[in-house]
């Protein structure tokens, strides 16, 4: 779908949403520009994502819209920018474009100005996503290290279920964080690239705001590194608790097996069919055997308790 936004009677921004090859070809012919197809926009090397030739920029930024209940899918967002027109190529519905269109319609804007508005919206969206992940990380941290974990430790099944769900949640957070990192890395290079090569025809306010956007992206990258370390710490903590739970389970099984050895020995000894066993003729021989079994069971348990092994 092709949507054109005019300024002073001529199109200054053309938005191609999930275009076909025919629509891209028609836009290339109408506006005299080389608009890259999706295959070219999806290339990962920076030399393909950031290009400047014959006074026109060709930029590709990977974006991943996040919709609750749906799988996150990364798709490219392409820009073709000249002093007179901006063409965007996108293959997913981006929430930020609704607010961008509203901002563009408020007043007359140039193509570089609209490009800047989109970059700022992407930076704001990335910041919002990082804030969401920070809140989720704090919630997971509270769940692992505080009262909920202490209460659930009394129920092994409940603890295992909670830790399993926590691992899935941490994995999802790490996946979404990697999507944000990919977008920010490209934006970090795109803003200085446009500022440097477009120095001859960009207005000073636009260049100043692009530099500010680049500074914001750098700060978000630093915060993303901190958040990555936080999520890795939570993953290590969750795995540590799982190992602790497994060790406790093996400890109980080990103690049970050790405690069962002495009474088994006593029962086996008095179960042997020898005629010369004085205890067999005692009046309280049966009670004596039972007492030895109980005593041989209690002594190891008390020993483990005294030693602090259980």
C-alpha atoms as a PDB file:
ATOM      1  CA  UNK A   1       0.000   0.000   0.000  1.00  0.00           C
ATOM      2  CA  UNK A   2       1.354   3.417  -0.985  1.00  0.00           C
ATOM      3  CA  UNK A   3       0.478   6.546   0.997  1.00  0.00           C
ATOM      4  CA  UNK A   4       1.817   9.978   0.039  1.00  0.00           C
ATOM      5  CA  UNK A   5       1.953  12.938   2.425  1.00  0.00           C
ATOM      6  CA  UNK A   6       2.228  16.247   0.549  1.00  0.00           C
ATOM      7  CA  UNK A   7       3.763  19.531   1.585  1.00  0.00           C
ATOM      8  CA  UNK A   8       3.170  22.709  -0.399  1.00  0.00           C
ATOM      9  CA  UNK A   9       1.400  20.774  -3.121  1.00  0.00           C
ATOM     10  CA  UNK A  10       4.026  18.079  -3.720  1.00  0.00           C
ATOM     11  CA  UNK A  11       4.730  14.761  -1.964  1.00  0.00           C
ATOM     12  CA  UNK A  12       7.411  15.047   0.688  1.00  0.00           C
ATOM     13  CA  UNK A  13       6.917  11.649   2.325  1.00  0.00           C
ATOM     14  CA  UNK A  14       5.833   8.433   0.620  1.00  0.00           C
ATOM     15  CA  UNK A  15       5.112   5.459   2.869  1.00  0.00           C
ATOM     16  CA  UNK A  16       5.153   1.978   1.305  1.00  0.00           C
ATOM     17  CA  UNK A  17       3.563  -0.549   3.645  1.00  0.00           C
ATOM     18  CA  UNK A  18       4.171  -4.202   2.718  1.00  0.00           C
ATOM     19  CA  UNK A  19       4.605  -3.320  -0.968  1.00  0.00           C
ATOM     20  CA  UNK A  20       4.774  -5.764  -3.837  1.00  0.00           C
ATOM     21  CA  UNK A  21       7.555  -5.681  -6.396  1.00  0.00           C
ATOM     22  CA  UNK A  22       5.196  -3.959  -8.839  1.00  0.00           C
ATOM     23  CA  UNK A  23       4.393  -1.227  -6.311  1.00  0.00           C
ATOM     24  CA  UNK A  24       8.097  -0.685  -5.610  1.00  0.00           C
ATOM     25  CA  UNK A  25       8.796  -0.515  -9.339  1.00  0.00           C
ATOM     26  CA  UNK A  26       6.017   2.022  -9.865  1.00  0.00           C
ATOM     27  CA  UNK A  27       7.327   4.184  -6.988  1.00  0.00           C
ATOM     28  CA  UNK A  28      10.840   4.033  -8.469  1.00  0.00           C
ATOM     29  CA  UNK A  29       9.503   5.236 -11.819  1.00  0.00           C
ATOM     30  CA  UNK A  30       7.259   7.936 -10.339  1.00  0.00           C
ATOM     31  CA  UNK A  31       9.891   9.494  -8.091  1.00  0.00           C
ATOM     32  CA  UNK A  32      13.051   8.671 -10.003  1.00  0.00           C
ATOM     33  CA  UNK A  33      14.712   6.852  -7.103  1.00  0.00           C
ATOM     34  CA  UNK A  34      16.205   3.427  -6.584  1.00  0.00           C
ATOM     35  CA  UNK A  35      14.076   1.836  -3.849  1.00  0.00           C
ATOM     36  CA  UNK A  36      15.657  -1.418  -2.563  1.00  0.00           C
ATOM     37  CA  UNK A  37      13.475  -4.553  -2.318  1.00  0.00           C
ATOM     38  CA  UNK A  38      13.018  -6.504   0.894  1.00  0.00           C
ATOM     39  CA  UNK A  39      15.825  -8.945   0.116  1.00  0.00           C
ATOM     40  CA  UNK A  40      18.313  -6.102  -0.058  1.00  0.00           C
ATOM     41  CA  UNK A  41      16.912  -4.384   3.037  1.00  0.00           C
ATOM     42  CA  UNK A  42      17.349  -7.594   5.060  1.00  0.00           C
ATOM     43  CA  UNK A  43      21.106  -7.829   4.449  1.00  0.00           C
ATOM     44  CA  UNK A  44      22.967  -7.616   7.747  1.00  0.00           C
ATOM     45  CA  UNK A  45      26.271  -5.963   6.781  1.00  0.00           C
ATOM     46  CA  UNK A  46      26.444  -2.250   7.584  1.00  0.00           C
ATOM     47  CA  UNK A  47      27.754  -1.421   4.114  1.00  0.00           C
ATOM     48  CA  UNK A  48      24.374  -2.553   2.774  1.00  0.00           C
ATOM     49  CA  UNK A  49      22.312  -0.970   5.529  1.00  0.00           C
ATOM     50  CA  UNK A  50      23.904   2.468   5.266  1.00  0.00           C
ATOM     51  CA  UNK A  51      24.461   3.804   1.755  1.00  0.00           C
ATOM     52  CA  UNK A  52      24.843   7.278   0.265  1.00  0.00           C
ATOM     53  CA  UNK A  53      25.090   7.745  -3.477  1.00  0.00           C
ATOM     54  CA  UNK A  54      24.188  10.575  -5.859  1.00  0.00           C
ATOM     55  CA  UNK A  55      22.771  12.718  -3.072  1.00  0.00           C
ATOM     56  CA  UNK A  56      20.378  10.025  -1.788  1.00  0.00           C
ATOM     57  CA  UNK A  57      20.539   7.937   1.366  1.00  0.00           C
ATOM     58  CA  UNK A  58      19.454   4.289   1.424  1.00  0.00           C
ATOM     59  CA  UNK A  59      19.137   3.088   5.015  1.00  0.00           C
ATOM     60  CA  UNK A  60      17.759  -0.129   6.480  1.00  0.00           C
ATOM     61  CA  UNK A  61      16.880  -0.486  10.159  1.00  0.00           C
ATOM     62  CA  UNK A  62      15.686  -3.822  11.636  1.00  0.00           C
ATOM     63  CA  UNK A  63      12.565  -3.297  13.748  1.00  0.00           C
ATOM     64  CA  UNK A  64      10.597  -5.734  15.884  1.00  0.00           C
ATOM     65  CA  UNK A  65       7.102  -4.604  16.892  1.00  0.00           C
ATOM     66  CA  UNK A  66       6.019  -6.175  20.179  1.00  0.00           C
ATOM     67  CA  UNK A  67       2.382  -7.239  20.474  1.00  0.00           C
ATOM     68  CA  UNK A  68       1.254  -9.071  23.595  1.00  0.00           C
ATOM     69  CA  UNK A  69       0.092 -12.576  22.826  1.00  0.00           C
ATOM     70  CA  UNK A  70       1.850 -12.613  19.452  1.00  0.00           C
ATOM     71  CA  UNK A  71       5.279 -13.790  18.402  1.00  0.00           C
ATOM     72  CA  UNK A  72       7.793 -11.013  17.793  1.00  0.00           C
ATOM     73  CA  UNK A  73       8.965 -10.972  14.180  1.00  0.00           C
ATOM     74  CA  UNK A  74      11.824  -8.758  12.985  1.00  0.00           C
ATOM     75  CA  UNK A  75      11.421  -7.019   9.647  1.00  0.00           C
ATOM     76  CA  UNK A  76      13.380  -4.246   7.894  1.00  0.00           C
ATOM     77  CA  UNK A  77      12.370  -0.600   7.822  1.00  0.00           C
ATOM     78  CA  UNK A  78      13.880   1.043   4.756  1.00  0.00           C
ATOM     79  CA  UNK A  79      14.542   4.737   4.123  1.00  0.00           C
ATOM     80  CA  UNK A  80      15.339   6.473   0.872  1.00  0.00           C
ATOM     81  CA  UNK A  81      16.101  10.103   1.718  1.00  0.00           C
ATOM     82  CA  UNK A  82      16.899  13.056  -0.513  1.00  0.00           C
ATOM     83  CA  UNK A  83      16.675  16.811   0.200  1.00  0.00           C
ATOM     84  CA  UNK A  84      13.184  16.849  -1.358  1.00  0.00           C
ATOM     85  CA  UNK A  85      11.511  13.536  -0.520  1.00  0.00           C
ATOM     86  CA  UNK A  86      11.554  10.691   1.976  1.00  0.00           C
ATOM     87  CA  UNK A  87      10.379   7.208   1.050  1.00  0.00           C
ATOM     88  CA  UNK A  88       9.854   4.599   3.770  1.00  0.00           C
ATOM     89  CA  UNK A  89       9.453   0.886   3.074  1.00  0.00           C
ATOM     90  CA  UNK A  90       8.072  -1.282   5.857  1.00  0.00           C
ATOM     91  CA  UNK A  91       6.665  -4.801   6.046  1.00  0.00           C
ATOM     92  CA  UNK A  92       5.055  -4.759   9.489  1.00  0.00           C
ATOM     93  CA  UNK A  93       2.547  -2.578  11.273  1.00  0.00           C
ATOM     94  CA  UNK A  94       4.525  -0.245  13.529  1.00  0.00           C
ATOM     95  CA  UNK A  95       2.737   1.454  16.422  1.00  0.00           C
ATOM     96  CA  UNK A  96       5.039   4.456  16.195  1.00  0.00           C
ATOM     97  CA  UNK A  97       3.898   5.377  12.673  1.00  0.00           C
ATOM     98  CA  UNK A  98       0.447   6.386  13.887  1.00  0.00           C
ATOM     99  CA  UNK A  99       1.904   9.070  16.150  1.00  0.00           C
ATOM    100  CA  UNK A 100       4.450  10.007  13.455  1.00  0.00           C
ATOM    101  CA  UNK A 101       1.675  10.710  10.954  1.00  0.00           C
ATOM    102  CA  UNK A 102      -0.077  12.916  13.515  1.00  0.00           C
ATOM    103  CA  UNK A 103       3.119  14.913  14.096  1.00  0.00           C
ATOM    104  CA  UNK A 104       3.759  15.311  10.387  1.00  0.00           C
ATOM    105  CA  UNK A 105       0.237  16.610   9.742  1.00  0.00           C
ATOM    106  CA  UNK A 106       0.527  19.357  12.361  1.00  0.00           C
ATOM    107  CA  UNK A 107       2.749  21.601  10.226  1.00  0.00           C
ATOM    108  CA  UNK A 108       4.774  21.763   7.040  1.00  0.00           C
ATOM    109  CA  UNK A 109       7.926  19.650   7.262  1.00  0.00           C
ATOM    110  CA  UNK A 110      10.841  18.893   4.985  1.00  0.00           C
ATOM    111  CA  UNK A 111      11.946  15.355   4.095  1.00  0.00           C
ATOM    112  CA  UNK A 112      14.973  15.419   6.454  1.00  0.00           C
ATOM    113  CA  UNK A 113      12.713  16.731   9.222  1.00  0.00           C
ATOM    114  CA  UNK A 114      10.270  13.834   8.753  1.00  0.00           C
ATOM    115  CA  UNK A 115      13.191  11.403   8.732  1.00  0.00           C
ATOM    116  CA  UNK A 116      14.313  12.884  12.038  1.00  0.00           C
ATOM    117  CA  UNK A 117      10.798  12.535  13.476  1.00  0.00           C
ATOM    118  CA  UNK A 118      10.813   8.822  12.588  1.00  0.00           C
ATOM    119  CA  UNK A 119      14.273   8.292  14.096  1.00  0.00           C
ATOM    120  CA  UNK A 120      13.191  10.046  17.309  1.00  0.00           C
ATOM    121  CA  UNK A 121      10.057   7.884  17.454  1.00  0.00           C
ATOM    122  CA  UNK A 122      12.153   4.718  17.060  1.00  0.00           C
ATOM    123  CA  UNK A 123      14.466   5.887  19.843  1.00  0.00           C
ATOM    124  CA  UNK A 124      11.498   6.632  22.113  1.00  0.00           C
ATOM    125  CA  UNK A 125       9.979   3.239  21.336  1.00  0.00           C
ATOM    126  CA  UNK A 126      13.270   1.523  22.162  1.00  0.00           C
ATOM    127  CA  UNK A 127      13.454   3.424  25.455  1.00  0.00           C
ATOM    128  CA  UNK A 128       9.898   2.388  26.339  1.00  0.00           C
ATOM    129  CA  UNK A 129      10.690  -1.245  25.575  1.00  0.00           C
ATOM    130  CA  UNK A 130      13.795  -1.100  27.764  1.00  0.00           C
ATOM    131  CA  UNK A 131      11.715   0.356  30.606  1.00  0.00           C
ATOM    132  CA  UNK A 132       9.225  -2.509  30.235  1.00  0.00           C
ATOM    133  CA  UNK A 133      12.043  -5.046  30.398  1.00  0.00           C
ATOM    134  CA  UNK A 134      13.519  -3.299  33.436  1.00  0.00           C
ATOM    135  CA  UNK A 135      10.169  -3.578  35.267  1.00  0.00           C
ATOM    136  CA  UNK A 136       9.861  -7.237  34.299  1.00  0.00           C
ATOM    137  CA  UNK A 137      13.414  -7.901  35.488  1.00  0.00           C
ATOM    138  CA  UNK A 138      12.620  -6.281  38.835  1.00  0.00           C
ATOM    139  CA  UNK A 139       9.490  -8.429  39.140  1.00  0.00           C
ATOM    140  CA  UNK A 140      11.479 -11.604  38.412  1.00  0.00           C
ATOM    141  CA  UNK A 141      14.175 -10.550  40.878  1.00  0.00           C
ATOM    142  CA  UNK A 142      11.573 -10.003  43.591  1.00  0.00           C
ATOM    143  CA  UNK A 143      10.013 -13.377  42.844  1.00  0.00           C
ATOM    144  CA  UNK A 144      13.325 -15.260  43.032  1.00  0.00           C
ATOM    145  CA  UNK A 145      15.015 -13.615  45.985  1.00  0.00           C
ATOM    146  CA  UNK A 146      12.180 -12.630  48.280  1.00  0.00           C
ATOM    147  CA  UNK A 147       9.052 -13.935  49.960  1.00  0.00           C
ATOM    148  CA  UNK A 148       7.523 -15.866  47.078  1.00  0.00           C
ATOM    149  CA  UNK A 149      10.515 -18.161  46.752  1.00  0.00           C
ATOM    150  CA  UNK A 150      10.681 -18.636  50.536  1.00  0.00           C
ATOM    151  CA  UNK A 151       7.018 -19.649  50.658  1.00  0.00           C
ATOM    152  CA  UNK A 152       7.240 -21.962  47.657  1.00  0.00           C
ATOM    153  CA  UNK A 153      10.294 -23.835  48.991  1.00  0.00           C
ATOM    154  CA  UNK A 154       7.988 -25.805  51.304  1.00  0.00           C
ATOM    155  CA  UNK A 155       6.324 -27.338  48.238  1.00  0.00           C
ATOM    156  CA  UNK A 156       8.817 -28.924  45.836  1.00  0.00           C
ATOM    157  CA  UNK A 157       6.288 -29.271  43.027  1.00  0.00           C
ATOM    158  CA  UNK A 158       5.260 -25.642  43.322  1.00  0.00           C
ATOM    159  CA  UNK A 159       8.898 -24.519  43.439  1.00  0.00           C
ATOM    160  CA  UNK A 160       9.794 -26.464  40.299  1.00  0.00           C
ATOM    161  CA  UNK A 161       6.777 -25.083  38.464  1.00  0.00           C
ATOM    162  CA  UNK A 162       7.643 -21.523  39.483  1.00  0.00           C
ATOM    163  CA  UNK A 163      11.315 -21.868  38.515  1.00  0.00           C
ATOM    164  CA  UNK A 164      10.384 -23.408  35.167  1.00  0.00           C
ATOM    165  CA  UNK A 165       8.029 -20.514  34.405  1.00  0.00           C
ATOM    166  CA  UNK A 166      10.721 -18.059  35.516  1.00  0.00           C
ATOM    167  CA  UNK A 167      13.248 -19.584  33.121  1.00  0.00           C
ATOM    168  CA  UNK A 168      10.791 -19.255  30.234  1.00  0.00           C
ATOM    169  CA  UNK A 169      10.120 -15.627  31.184  1.00  0.00           C
ATOM    170  CA  UNK A 170      13.827 -14.803  31.414  1.00  0.00           C
ATOM    171  CA  UNK A 171      14.421 -16.428  28.035  1.00  0.00           C
ATOM    172  CA  UNK A 172      11.645 -14.342  26.485  1.00  0.00           C
ATOM    173  CA  UNK A 173      13.120 -11.184  28.028  1.00  0.00           C
ATOM    174  CA  UNK A 174      16.534 -12.004  26.609  1.00  0.00           C
ATOM    175  CA  UNK A 175      15.051 -12.562  23.155  1.00  0.00           C
ATOM    176  CA  UNK A 176      13.214  -9.239  23.181  1.00  0.00           C
ATOM    177  CA  UNK A 177      16.311  -7.476  24.462  1.00  0.00           C
ATOM    178  CA  UNK A 178      18.344  -8.855  21.557  1.00  0.00           C
ATOM    179  CA  UNK A 179      15.775  -7.383  19.134  1.00  0.00           C
ATOM    180  CA  UNK A 180      16.109  -3.968  20.758  1.00  0.00           C
ATOM    181  CA  UNK A 181      19.909  -4.234  20.694  1.00  0.00           C
ATOM    182  CA  UNK A 182      19.852  -4.945  16.953  1.00  0.00           C
ATOM    183  CA  UNK A 183      17.746  -1.842  16.271  1.00  0.00           C
ATOM    184  CA  UNK A 184      19.831   0.420  18.498  1.00  0.00           C
ATOM    185  CA  UNK A 185      23.118  -0.701  16.964  1.00  0.00           C
ATOM    186  CA  UNK A 186      21.948   0.355  13.508  1.00  0.00           C
ATOM    187  CA  UNK A 187      20.485   3.639  14.771  1.00  0.00           C
ATOM    188  CA  UNK A 188      23.749   4.373  16.560  1.00  0.00           C
ATOM    189  CA  UNK A 189      25.570   4.349  13.225  1.00  0.00           C
ATOM    190  CA  UNK A 190      22.763   5.725  11.064  1.00  0.00           C
ATOM    191  CA  UNK A 191      22.409   9.097  12.828  1.00  0.00           C
ATOM    192  CA  UNK A 192      26.103  10.123  12.521  1.00  0.00           C
ATOM    193  CA  UNK A 193      26.186   8.714   8.977  1.00  0.00           C
ATOM    194  CA  UNK A 194      23.309  10.957   7.850  1.00  0.00           C
ATOM    195  CA  UNK A 195      24.701  13.955   9.731  1.00  0.00           C
ATOM    196  CA  UNK A 196      28.108  13.585   8.088  1.00  0.00           C
ATOM    197  CA  UNK A 197      27.040  12.983   4.482  1.00  0.00           C
ATOM    198  CA  UNK A 198      24.037  15.314   4.562  1.00  0.00           C
ATOM    199  CA  UNK A 199      25.944  18.225   6.014  1.00  0.00           C
ATOM    200  CA  UNK A 200      25.664  20.236   2.805  1.00  0.00           C
ATOM    201  CA  UNK A 201      21.866  20.270   2.536  1.00  0.00           C
ATOM    202  CA  UNK A 202      20.499  19.637   6.022  1.00  0.00           C
ATOM    203  CA  UNK A 203      19.240  22.519   8.143  1.00  0.00           C
ATOM    204  CA  UNK A 204      21.254  23.199  11.326  1.00  0.00           C
ATOM    205  CA  UNK A 205      18.288  22.426  13.650  1.00  0.00           C
ATOM    206  CA  UNK A 206      17.841  19.023  11.994  1.00  0.00           C
ATOM    207  CA  UNK A 207      21.554  18.233  12.328  1.00  0.00           C
ATOM    208  CA  UNK A 208      21.510  19.309  15.981  1.00  0.00           C
ATOM    209  CA  UNK A 209      18.533  17.077  16.749  1.00  0.00           C
ATOM    210  CA  UNK A 210      20.138  14.164  14.908  1.00  0.00           C
ATOM    211  CA  UNK A 211      23.226  14.542  17.081  1.00  0.00           C
ATOM    212  CA  UNK A 212      21.003  14.598  20.158  1.00  0.00           C
ATOM    213  CA  UNK A 213      19.225  11.463  18.937  1.00  0.00           C
ATOM    214  CA  UNK A 214      22.616   9.792  18.475  1.00  0.00           C
ATOM    215  CA  UNK A 215      23.498  10.688  22.076  1.00  0.00           C
ATOM    216  CA  UNK A 216      20.186   9.214  23.254  1.00  0.00           C
ATOM    217  CA  UNK A 217      20.883   6.005  21.336  1.00  0.00           C
ATOM    218  CA  UNK A 218      24.332   5.763  22.938  1.00  0.00           C
ATOM    219  CA  UNK A 219      22.819   6.109  26.417  1.00  0.00           C
ATOM    220  CA  UNK A 220      20.213   3.459  25.562  1.00  0.00           C
ATOM    221  CA  UNK A 221      22.970   1.131  24.366  1.00  0.00           C
ATOM    222  CA  UNK A 222      24.769   1.597  27.686  1.00  0.00           C
ATOM    223  CA  UNK A 223      21.567   0.869  29.580  1.00  0.00           C
ATOM    224  CA  UNK A 224      20.888  -2.146  27.369  1.00  0.00           C
ATOM    225  CA  UNK A 225      24.287  -3.568  28.378  1.00  0.00           C
ATOM    226  CA  UNK A 226      23.383  -3.079  32.045  1.00  0.00           C
ATOM    227  CA  UNK A 227      20.015  -4.771  31.464  1.00  0.00           C
ATOM    228  CA  UNK A 228      21.686  -7.658  29.651  1.00  0.00           C
ATOM    229  CA  UNK A 229      23.948  -8.218  32.667  1.00  0.00           C
ATOM    230  CA  UNK A 230      20.894  -8.078  34.935  1.00  0.00           C
ATOM    231  CA  UNK A 231      19.020 -10.689  32.904  1.00  0.00           C
ATOM    232  CA  UNK A 232      22.101 -12.928  32.793  1.00  0.00           C
ATOM    233  CA  UNK A 233      22.386 -12.604  36.581  1.00  0.00           C
ATOM    234  CA  UNK A 234      18.717 -13.591  36.981  1.00  0.00           C
ATOM    235  CA  UNK A 235      19.243 -16.568  34.677  1.00  0.00           C
ATOM    236  CA  UNK A 236      22.247 -17.706  36.719  1.00  0.00           C
ATOM    237  CA  UNK A 237      20.256 -17.230  39.928  1.00  0.00           C
ATOM    238  CA  UNK A 238      17.313 -19.276  38.639  1.00  0.00           C
ATOM    239  CA  UNK A 239      19.632 -22.072  37.508  1.00  0.00           C
ATOM    240  CA  UNK A 240      21.384 -21.875  40.895  1.00  0.00           C
ATOM    241  CA  UNK A 241      18.092 -22.346  42.728  1.00  0.00           C
ATOM    242  CA  UNK A 242      17.259 -25.291  40.480  1.00  0.00           C
ATOM    243  CA  UNK A 243      20.621 -26.875  41.307  1.00  0.00           C
ATOM    244  CA  UNK A 244      19.981 -26.230  45.006  1.00  0.00           C
ATOM    245  CA  UNK A 245      16.581 -27.903  44.803  1.00  0.00           C
ATOM    246  CA  UNK A 246      18.115 -30.888  43.031  1.00  0.00           C
ATOM    247  CA  UNK A 247      20.903 -31.116  45.614  1.00  0.00           C
ATOM    248  CA  UNK A 248      18.352 -31.028  48.433  1.00  0.00           C
ATOM    249  CA  UNK A 249      16.399 -33.811  46.753  1.00  0.00           C
ATOM    250  CA  UNK A 250      19.505 -35.958  46.324  1.00  0.00           C
ATOM    251  CA  UNK A 251      20.473 -35.198  49.926  1.00  0.00           C
ATOM    252  CA  UNK A 252      17.142 -36.537  51.183  1.00  0.00           C
ATOM    253  CA  UNK A 253      17.483 -39.657  49.047  1.00  0.00           C
ATOM    254  CA  UNK A 254      21.063 -40.200  50.252  1.00  0.00           C
ATOM    255  CA  UNK A 255      20.106 -39.803  53.910  1.00  0.00           C
ATOM    256  CA  UNK A 256      17.146 -42.153  53.459  1.00  0.00           C
ATOM    257  CA  UNK A 257      19.373 -44.790  51.902  1.00  0.00           C
ATOM    258  CA  UNK A 258      22.040 -44.428  54.611  1.00  0.00           C
ATOM    259  CA  UNK A 259      19.463 -44.530  57.415  1.00  0.00           C
ATOM    260  CA  UNK A 260      17.955 -47.687  55.922  1.00  0.00           C
ATOM    261  CA  UNK A 261      21.221 -49.654  55.960  1.00  0.00           C
ATOM    262  CA  UNK A 262      21.570 -50.395  59.749  1.00  0.00           C
ATOM    263  CA  UNK A 263      18.000 -51.653  60.296  1.00  0.00           C
ATOM    264  CA  UNK A 264      18.303 -53.758  57.153  1.00  0.00           C
ATOM    265  CA  UNK A 265      21.496 -55.253  58.562  1.00  0.00           C
ATOM    266  CA  UNK A 266      19.808 -56.069  61.898  1.00  0.00           C
ATOM    267  CA  UNK A 267      16.770 -57.608  60.217  1.00  0.00           C
ATOM    268  CA  UNK A 268      18.973 -59.635  57.873  1.00  0.00           C
ATOM    269  CA  UNK A 269      21.137 -60.876  60.743  1.00  0.00           C
ATOM    270  CA  UNK A 270      18.200 -62.162  62.799  1.00  0.00           C
ATOM    271  CA  UNK A 271      16.585 -63.595  59.708  1.00  0.00           C
ATOM    272  CA  UNK A 272      19.416 -66.105  59.198  1.00  0.00           C
ATOM    273  CA  UNK A 273      18.487 -69.746  59.861  1.00  0.00           C
ATOM    274  CA  UNK A 274      21.130 -70.716  62.417  1.00  0.00           C
ATOM    275  CA  UNK A 275      20.212 -72.979  65.383  1.00  0.00           C
ATOM    276  CA  UNK A 276      22.731 -71.434  67.771  1.00  0.00           C
ATOM    277  CA  UNK A 277      21.182 -67.939  68.058  1.00  0.00           C
ATOM    278  CA  UNK A 278      20.540 -67.229  71.776  1.00  0.00           C
ATOM    279  CA  UNK A 279      18.106 -64.384  71.000  1.00  0.00           C
ATOM    280  CA  UNK A 280      15.691 -66.805  69.342  1.00  0.00           C
ATOM    281  CA  UNK A 281      14.982 -68.463  72.698  1.00  0.00           C
ATOM    282  CA  UNK A 282      14.615 -65.233  74.681  1.00  0.00           C
ATOM    283  CA  UNK A 283      11.208 -64.371  76.002  1.00  0.00           C
ATOM    284  CA  UNK A 284      11.604 -60.830  74.689  1.00  0.00           C
ATOM    285  CA  UNK A 285      13.740 -61.661  71.670  1.00  0.00           C
ATOM    286  CA  UNK A 286      11.188 -60.239  69.238  1.00  0.00           C
ATOM    287  CA  UNK A 287      11.022 -56.975  71.155  1.00  0.00           C
ATOM    288  CA  UNK A 288      14.825 -56.921  71.332  1.00  0.00           C
ATOM    289  CA  UNK A 289      15.068 -57.203  67.546  1.00  0.00           C
ATOM    290  CA  UNK A 290      12.491 -54.496  66.996  1.00  0.00           C
ATOM    291  CA  UNK A 291      14.315 -52.235  69.457  1.00  0.00           C
ATOM    292  CA  UNK A 292      17.608 -52.704  67.661  1.00  0.00           C
ATOM    293  CA  UNK A 293      15.940 -51.847  64.334  1.00  0.00           C
ATOM    294  CA  UNK A 294      14.421 -48.664  65.753  1.00  0.00           C
ATOM    295  CA  UNK A 295      17.660 -47.695  67.520  1.00  0.00           C
ATOM    296  CA  UNK A 296      19.752 -48.326  64.399  1.00  0.00           C
ATOM    297  CA  UNK A 297      17.356 -46.035  62.516  1.00  0.00           C
ATOM    298  CA  UNK A 298      17.306 -43.224  65.066  1.00  0.00           C
ATOM    299  CA  UNK A 299      21.078 -43.042  65.666  1.00  0.00           C
ATOM    300  CA  UNK A 300      22.006 -42.102  62.033  1.00  0.00           C
ATOM    301  CA  UNK A 301      19.200 -39.521  61.931  1.00  0.00           C
ATOM    302  CA  UNK A 302      20.420 -37.924  65.173  1.00  0.00           C
ATOM    303  CA  UNK A 303      23.977 -38.013  63.865  1.00  0.00           C
ATOM    304  CA  UNK A 304      23.015 -36.188  60.673  1.00  0.00           C
ATOM    305  CA  UNK A 305      21.117 -33.605  62.710  1.00  0.00           C
ATOM    306  CA  UNK A 306      24.006 -33.017  65.121  1.00  0.00           C
ATOM    307  CA  UNK A 307      26.462 -32.629  62.257  1.00  0.00           C
ATOM    308  CA  UNK A 308      24.124 -30.199  60.479  1.00  0.00           C
ATOM    309  CA  UNK A 309      23.966 -32.321  57.344  1.00  0.00           C
ATOM    310  CA  UNK A 310      20.166 -32.392  57.397  1.00  0.00           C
END
